[in-house]
Amino acid sequence: MLKYLVPRIALTDLPSIIGFAVFGAILAGIYGILHDQVTYSIGPEYFTKLKFKQFGFADFGFGDRIFVSFVGFLATWWAGFFVAWFLSRRLIPKQQRSTAFRKILAGFTIVFACGFAAGLGGYCYGIWRGPKADFTAWQSVFSQYDITDSWAFVRVAYIHNASYLGGLFGFLVALYFIRPEDESVISDKAT
């Protein structure tokens, strides 16, 4: 168990692992920007009355749409960093670089697809519930944040929560299905 918490990483592998982690952070951040631009269009109050308060330190006065982009990037970059870190940490040291890179990209694709599909499912669930649904469980949130468009707020909350769960599920699927080649077969790692 300790080897997973404090891994030994060969110095030759470290630049590639860090590079992929940064690449994963940037990809996830871009996804977060696009995701939040769409969800802001659906329910602006989710941002103006909740997320903008949580990420107030990132408001530089450029307007709501730019602030939404900052929120989207800040809310997701870390997920991409850690997904890429764990995938590359697992795959780069145990096989040829080209094979590892393809598998890491396949892992990114799985995480993205699962997060996107789950977010779409959250949206569909919100639409299915409809504007006249029983939102009594949400009343304390509506009161606390002075929400006027409850259905839009709840739909965006469903999308965001489902997206995170889908991304986590995709990460677990990627870890399970994308494995390094048998180490005994590998004779020479390409750089």
C-alpha atoms as a PDB file:
ATOM      1  CA  MET A   1       0.000   0.000   0.000  1.00  0.00           C
ATOM      2  CA  LEU A   2       2.860   2.365   0.792  1.00  0.00           C
ATOM      3  CA  LYS A   3       4.177   2.094  -2.767  1.00  0.00           C
ATOM      4  CA  TYR A   4       0.929   3.706  -4.020  1.00  0.00           C
ATOM      5  CA  LEU A   5       1.064   6.524  -1.470  1.00  0.00           C
ATOM      6  CA  VAL A   6       4.776   7.234  -1.834  1.00  0.00           C
ATOM      7  CA  PRO A   7       5.741   5.892  -5.244  1.00  0.00           C
ATOM      8  CA  ARG A   8       9.274   5.446  -6.435  1.00  0.00           C
ATOM      9  CA  ILE A   9       9.576   7.147  -9.779  1.00  0.00           C
ATOM     10  CA  ALA A  10      12.619   6.801 -11.998  1.00  0.00           C
ATOM     11  CA  LEU A  11      14.084  10.202 -12.851  1.00  0.00           C
ATOM     12  CA  THR A  12      13.905   9.314 -16.542  1.00  0.00           C
ATOM     13  CA  ASP A  13      10.125   8.812 -16.240  1.00  0.00           C
ATOM     14  CA  LEU A  14       9.397  11.897 -14.157  1.00  0.00           C
ATOM     15  CA  PRO A  15       9.369  14.505 -16.976  1.00  0.00           C
ATOM     16  CA  SER A  16       6.871  12.461 -18.991  1.00  0.00           C
ATOM     17  CA  ILE A  17       4.657  11.855 -15.960  1.00  0.00           C
ATOM     18  CA  ILE A  18       4.679  15.529 -14.991  1.00  0.00           C
ATOM     19  CA  GLY A  19       4.140  16.534 -18.616  1.00  0.00           C
ATOM     20  CA  PHE A  20       1.074  14.350 -18.889  1.00  0.00           C
ATOM     21  CA  ALA A  21      -0.248  15.613 -15.564  1.00  0.00           C
ATOM     22  CA  VAL A  22       0.030  19.215 -16.778  1.00  0.00           C
ATOM     23  CA  PHE A  23      -1.507  18.247 -20.123  1.00  0.00           C
ATOM     24  CA  GLY A  24      -4.370  16.553 -18.247  1.00  0.00           C
ATOM     25  CA  ALA A  25      -4.889  19.665 -16.124  1.00  0.00           C
ATOM     26  CA  ILE A  26      -5.087  21.865 -19.216  1.00  0.00           C
ATOM     27  CA  LEU A  27      -7.505  19.506 -21.001  1.00  0.00           C
ATOM     28  CA  ALA A  28      -9.736  19.251 -17.951  1.00  0.00           C
ATOM     29  CA  GLY A  29      -9.619  23.018 -17.496  1.00  0.00           C
ATOM     30  CA  ILE A  30     -10.715  23.588 -21.100  1.00  0.00           C
ATOM     31  CA  TYR A  31     -13.500  21.049 -20.639  1.00  0.00           C
ATOM     32  CA  GLY A  32     -14.553  22.894 -17.468  1.00  0.00           C
ATOM     33  CA  ILE A  33     -14.640  26.220 -19.312  1.00  0.00           C
ATOM     34  CA  LEU A  34     -16.864  24.830 -22.075  1.00  0.00           C
ATOM     35  CA  HIS A  35     -19.018  22.908 -19.599  1.00  0.00           C
ATOM     36  CA  ASP A  36     -19.633  25.965 -17.449  1.00  0.00           C
ATOM     37  CA  GLN A  37     -20.374  28.199 -20.431  1.00  0.00           C
ATOM     38  CA  VAL A  38     -23.161  25.799 -21.420  1.00  0.00           C
ATOM     39  CA  THR A  39     -24.521  25.424 -17.896  1.00  0.00           C
ATOM     40  CA  TYR A  40     -24.379  29.178 -17.310  1.00  0.00           C
ATOM     41  CA  SER A  41     -26.680  29.548 -20.323  1.00  0.00           C
ATOM     42  CA  ILE A  42     -29.107  27.071 -18.735  1.00  0.00           C
ATOM     43  CA  GLY A  43     -29.104  28.480 -15.210  1.00  0.00           C
ATOM     44  CA  PRO A  44     -27.125  31.665 -14.537  1.00  0.00           C
ATOM     45  CA  GLU A  45     -28.200  31.798 -10.877  1.00  0.00           C
ATOM     46  CA  TYR A  46     -26.188  28.669 -10.137  1.00  0.00           C
ATOM     47  CA  PHE A  47     -23.148  30.805 -10.876  1.00  0.00           C
ATOM     48  CA  THR A  48     -24.185  34.325  -9.908  1.00  0.00           C
ATOM     49  CA  LYS A  49     -25.568  33.271  -6.530  1.00  0.00           C
ATOM     50  CA  LEU A  50     -23.437  30.226  -5.664  1.00  0.00           C
ATOM     51  CA  LYS A  51     -20.260  29.622  -7.691  1.00  0.00           C
ATOM     52  CA  PHE A  52     -19.277  33.274  -7.949  1.00  0.00           C
ATOM     53  CA  LYS A  53     -19.240  33.429  -4.160  1.00  0.00           C
ATOM     54  CA  GLN A  54     -17.170  30.240  -3.890  1.00  0.00           C
ATOM     55  CA  PHE A  55     -14.627  31.508  -6.429  1.00  0.00           C
ATOM     56  CA  GLY A  56     -14.767  35.202  -5.564  1.00  0.00           C
ATOM     57  CA  PHE A  57     -10.958  35.387  -5.444  1.00  0.00           C
ATOM     58  CA  ALA A  58     -10.898  34.799  -9.231  1.00  0.00           C
ATOM     59  CA  ASP A  59     -13.183  37.714 -10.139  1.00  0.00           C
ATOM     60  CA  PHE A  60     -11.049  40.286 -11.896  1.00  0.00           C
ATOM     61  CA  GLY A  61     -13.985  42.347 -13.135  1.00  0.00           C
ATOM     62  CA  PHE A  62     -13.996  41.106 -16.749  1.00  0.00           C
ATOM     63  CA  GLY A  63     -17.719  40.277 -16.790  1.00  0.00           C
ATOM     64  CA  ASP A  64     -19.797  37.244 -15.986  1.00  0.00           C
ATOM     65  CA  ARG A  65     -18.896  35.088 -18.999  1.00  0.00           C
ATOM     66  CA  ILE A  66     -15.149  35.473 -18.390  1.00  0.00           C
ATOM     67  CA  PHE A  67     -15.671  34.807 -14.687  1.00  0.00           C
ATOM     68  CA  VAL A  68     -17.631  31.664 -15.594  1.00  0.00           C
ATOM     69  CA  SER A  69     -14.607  30.550 -17.629  1.00  0.00           C
ATOM     70  CA  PHE A  70     -12.302  31.093 -14.657  1.00  0.00           C
ATOM     71  CA  VAL A  71     -14.695  29.147 -12.427  1.00  0.00           C
ATOM     72  CA  GLY A  72     -14.886  26.307 -14.972  1.00  0.00           C
ATOM     73  CA  PHE A  73     -11.116  26.057 -15.257  1.00  0.00           C
ATOM     74  CA  LEU A  74     -10.495  26.256 -11.506  1.00  0.00           C
ATOM     75  CA  ALA A  75     -13.194  23.704 -10.725  1.00  0.00           C
ATOM     76  CA  THR A  76     -11.816  21.039 -13.073  1.00  0.00           C
ATOM     77  CA  TRP A  77      -8.070  21.420 -13.692  1.00  0.00           C
ATOM     78  CA  TRP A  78      -7.176  19.421 -10.583  1.00  0.00           C
ATOM     79  CA  ALA A  79      -9.270  16.440 -11.704  1.00  0.00           C
ATOM     80  CA  GLY A  80      -7.406  16.259 -15.010  1.00  0.00           C
ATOM     81  CA  PHE A  81      -4.076  16.639 -13.246  1.00  0.00           C
ATOM     82  CA  PHE A  82      -4.717  13.711 -10.912  1.00  0.00           C
ATOM     83  CA  VAL A  83      -6.281  11.472 -13.557  1.00  0.00           C
ATOM     84  CA  ALA A  84      -3.281  12.027 -15.821  1.00  0.00           C
ATOM     85  CA  TRP A  85      -0.828  11.661 -12.935  1.00  0.00           C
ATOM     86  CA  PHE A  86      -2.198   8.269 -11.876  1.00  0.00           C
ATOM     87  CA  LEU A  87      -2.601   6.957 -15.418  1.00  0.00           C
ATOM     88  CA  SER A  88       0.881   8.029 -16.469  1.00  0.00           C
ATOM     89  CA  ARG A  89       2.423   6.902 -13.169  1.00  0.00           C
ATOM     90  CA  ARG A  90       0.941   3.478 -13.793  1.00  0.00           C
ATOM     91  CA  LEU A  91       1.620   3.193 -17.520  1.00  0.00           C
ATOM     92  CA  ILE A  92       4.847   5.034 -18.410  1.00  0.00           C
ATOM     93  CA  PRO A  93       7.344   3.029 -16.325  1.00  0.00           C
ATOM     94  CA  LYS A  94       6.068  -0.363 -17.459  1.00  0.00           C
ATOM     95  CA  GLN A  95       6.045  -0.225 -21.244  1.00  0.00           C
ATOM     96  CA  GLN A  96       7.279   1.539 -24.341  1.00  0.00           C
ATOM     97  CA  ARG A  97       6.597   5.280 -24.341  1.00  0.00           C
ATOM     98  CA  SER A  98       4.499   5.223 -27.522  1.00  0.00           C
ATOM     99  CA  THR A  99       2.278   2.468 -26.123  1.00  0.00           C
ATOM    100  CA  ALA A 100       1.979   4.250 -22.774  1.00  0.00           C
ATOM    101  CA  PHE A 101       1.029   7.538 -24.446  1.00  0.00           C
ATOM    102  CA  ARG A 102      -1.696   5.848 -26.522  1.00  0.00           C
ATOM    103  CA  LYS A 103      -3.090   4.161 -23.428  1.00  0.00           C
ATOM    104  CA  ILE A 104      -3.025   7.378 -21.398  1.00  0.00           C
ATOM    105  CA  LEU A 105      -4.916   9.176 -24.169  1.00  0.00           C
ATOM    106  CA  ALA A 106      -7.411   6.303 -24.232  1.00  0.00           C
ATOM    107  CA  GLY A 107      -7.834   6.767 -20.475  1.00  0.00           C
ATOM    108  CA  PHE A 108      -8.490  10.504 -20.969  1.00  0.00           C
ATOM    109  CA  THR A 109     -11.082   9.612 -23.594  1.00  0.00           C
ATOM    110  CA  ILE A 110     -12.862   7.235 -21.238  1.00  0.00           C
ATOM    111  CA  VAL A 111     -12.944   9.801 -18.428  1.00  0.00           C
ATOM    112  CA  PHE A 112     -14.173  12.526 -20.779  1.00  0.00           C
ATOM    113  CA  ALA A 113     -16.839  10.306 -22.352  1.00  0.00           C
ATOM    114  CA  CYS A 114     -18.148   9.122 -18.984  1.00  0.00           C
ATOM    115  CA  GLY A 115     -18.178  12.643 -17.530  1.00  0.00           C
ATOM    116  CA  PHE A 116     -19.920  14.032 -20.596  1.00  0.00           C
ATOM    117  CA  ALA A 117     -22.474  11.199 -20.751  1.00  0.00           C
ATOM    118  CA  ALA A 118     -23.239  11.516 -17.050  1.00  0.00           C
ATOM    119  CA  GLY A 119     -23.631  15.300 -17.362  1.00  0.00           C
ATOM    120  CA  LEU A 120     -26.002  14.767 -20.275  1.00  0.00           C
ATOM    121  CA  GLY A 121     -27.877  12.256 -18.133  1.00  0.00           C
ATOM    122  CA  GLY A 122     -28.108  14.849 -15.348  1.00  0.00           C
ATOM    123  CA  TYR A 123     -29.521  17.342 -17.831  1.00  0.00           C
ATOM    124  CA  CYS A 124     -32.072  14.821 -19.129  1.00  0.00           C
ATOM    125  CA  TYR A 125     -33.071  13.937 -15.568  1.00  0.00           C
ATOM    126  CA  GLY A 126     -33.628  17.624 -14.813  1.00  0.00           C
ATOM    127  CA  ILE A 127     -35.742  18.029 -17.958  1.00  0.00           C
ATOM    128  CA  TRP A 128     -37.702  14.871 -17.133  1.00  0.00           C
ATOM    129  CA  ARG A 129     -38.489  16.160 -13.639  1.00  0.00           C
ATOM    130  CA  GLY A 130     -39.847  19.326 -15.188  1.00  0.00           C
ATOM    131  CA  PRO A 131     -40.486  22.789 -13.761  1.00  0.00           C
ATOM    132  CA  LYS A 132     -43.432  21.618 -11.658  1.00  0.00           C
ATOM    133  CA  ALA A 133     -41.504  18.887  -9.822  1.00  0.00           C
ATOM    134  CA  ASP A 134     -41.444  18.698  -6.044  1.00  0.00           C
ATOM    135  CA  PHE A 135     -38.313  20.633  -5.081  1.00  0.00           C
ATOM    136  CA  THR A 136     -39.073  20.777  -1.349  1.00  0.00           C
ATOM    137  CA  ALA A 137     -35.743  19.077  -0.576  1.00  0.00           C
ATOM    138  CA  TRP A 138     -34.064  22.068  -2.220  1.00  0.00           C
ATOM    139  CA  GLN A 139     -36.014  24.766  -0.363  1.00  0.00           C
ATOM    140  CA  SER A 140     -33.248  25.525   2.139  1.00  0.00           C
ATOM    141  CA  VAL A 141     -30.789  26.038  -0.730  1.00  0.00           C
ATOM    142  CA  PHE A 142     -33.276  28.214  -2.622  1.00  0.00           C
ATOM    143  CA  SER A 143     -33.825  30.327   0.481  1.00  0.00           C
ATOM    144  CA  GLN A 144     -30.151  30.557   1.424  1.00  0.00           C
ATOM    145  CA  TYR A 145     -29.112  31.762  -2.033  1.00  0.00           C
ATOM    146  CA  ASP A 146     -32.330  33.635  -2.909  1.00  0.00           C
ATOM    147  CA  ILE A 147     -32.947  31.528  -6.032  1.00  0.00           C
ATOM    148  CA  THR A 148     -35.781  32.689  -8.274  1.00  0.00           C
ATOM    149  CA  ASP A 149     -35.526  30.146 -11.136  1.00  0.00           C
ATOM    150  CA  SER A 150     -35.506  26.921  -9.134  1.00  0.00           C
ATOM    151  CA  TRP A 151     -35.864  24.537 -12.076  1.00  0.00           C
ATOM    152  CA  ALA A 152     -32.857  25.991 -13.936  1.00  0.00           C
ATOM    153  CA  PHE A 153     -30.774  25.996 -10.746  1.00  0.00           C
ATOM    154  CA  VAL A 154     -31.598  22.339 -10.033  1.00  0.00           C
ATOM    155  CA  ARG A 155     -30.931  21.271 -13.626  1.00  0.00           C
ATOM    156  CA  VAL A 156     -27.483  22.856 -13.528  1.00  0.00           C
ATOM    157  CA  ALA A 157     -26.802  21.250 -10.143  1.00  0.00           C
ATOM    158  CA  TYR A 158     -27.787  17.858 -11.578  1.00  0.00           C
ATOM    159  CA  ILE A 159     -25.487  18.399 -14.555  1.00  0.00           C
ATOM    160  CA  HIS A 160     -22.515  19.425 -12.405  1.00  0.00           C
ATOM    161  CA  ASN A 161     -22.923  16.650  -9.842  1.00  0.00           C
ATOM    162  CA  ALA A 162     -23.509  13.995 -12.505  1.00  0.00           C
ATOM    163  CA  SER A 163     -20.465  15.188 -14.461  1.00  0.00           C
ATOM    164  CA  TYR A 164     -18.178  14.777 -11.458  1.00  0.00           C
ATOM    165  CA  LEU A 165     -19.602  11.330 -10.690  1.00  0.00           C
ATOM    166  CA  GLY A 166     -19.266  10.337 -14.339  1.00  0.00           C
ATOM    167  CA  GLY A 167     -15.658  11.510 -14.413  1.00  0.00           C
ATOM    168  CA  LEU A 168     -14.888   9.514 -11.278  1.00  0.00           C
ATOM    169  CA  PHE A 169     -16.577   6.456 -12.750  1.00  0.00           C
ATOM    170  CA  GLY A 170     -14.626   6.931 -15.993  1.00  0.00           C
ATOM    171  CA  PHE A 171     -11.379   7.188 -14.048  1.00  0.00           C
ATOM    172  CA  LEU A 172     -12.102   3.917 -12.243  1.00  0.00           C
ATOM    173  CA  VAL A 173     -13.035   2.255 -15.544  1.00  0.00           C
ATOM    174  CA  ALA A 174      -9.811   3.525 -17.133  1.00  0.00           C
ATOM    175  CA  LEU A 175      -7.726   2.236 -14.233  1.00  0.00           C
ATOM    176  CA  TYR A 176      -9.403  -1.152 -14.425  1.00  0.00           C
ATOM    177  CA  PHE A 177      -9.319  -1.683 -18.191  1.00  0.00           C
ATOM    178  CA  ILE A 178      -6.191   0.164 -19.280  1.00  0.00           C
ATOM    179  CA  ARG A 179      -3.262  -1.767 -17.973  1.00  0.00           C
ATOM    180  CA  PRO A 180       0.411  -1.876 -18.785  1.00  0.00           C
ATOM    181  CA  GLU A 181       1.694  -4.631 -21.019  1.00  0.00           C
ATOM    182  CA  ASP A 182       3.278  -7.633 -19.373  1.00  0.00           C
ATOM    183  CA  GLU A 183       6.621  -6.420 -18.041  1.00  0.00           C
ATOM    184  CA  SER A 184       8.336  -9.652 -19.004  1.00  0.00           C
ATOM    185  CA  VAL A 185       7.618  -8.924 -22.704  1.00  0.00           C
ATOM    186  CA  ILE A 186       9.194  -5.505 -22.614  1.00  0.00           C
ATOM    187  CA  SER A 187      12.821  -5.565 -23.412  1.00  0.00           C
ATOM    188  CA  ASP A 188      13.519  -1.940 -24.219  1.00  0.00           C
ATOM    189  CA  LYS A 189      11.593   1.223 -23.362  1.00  0.00           C
ATOM    190  CA  ALA A 190      11.594   3.716 -26.201  1.00  0.00           C
ATOM    191  CA  THR A 191      12.110   7.335 -25.265  1.00  0.00           C
END
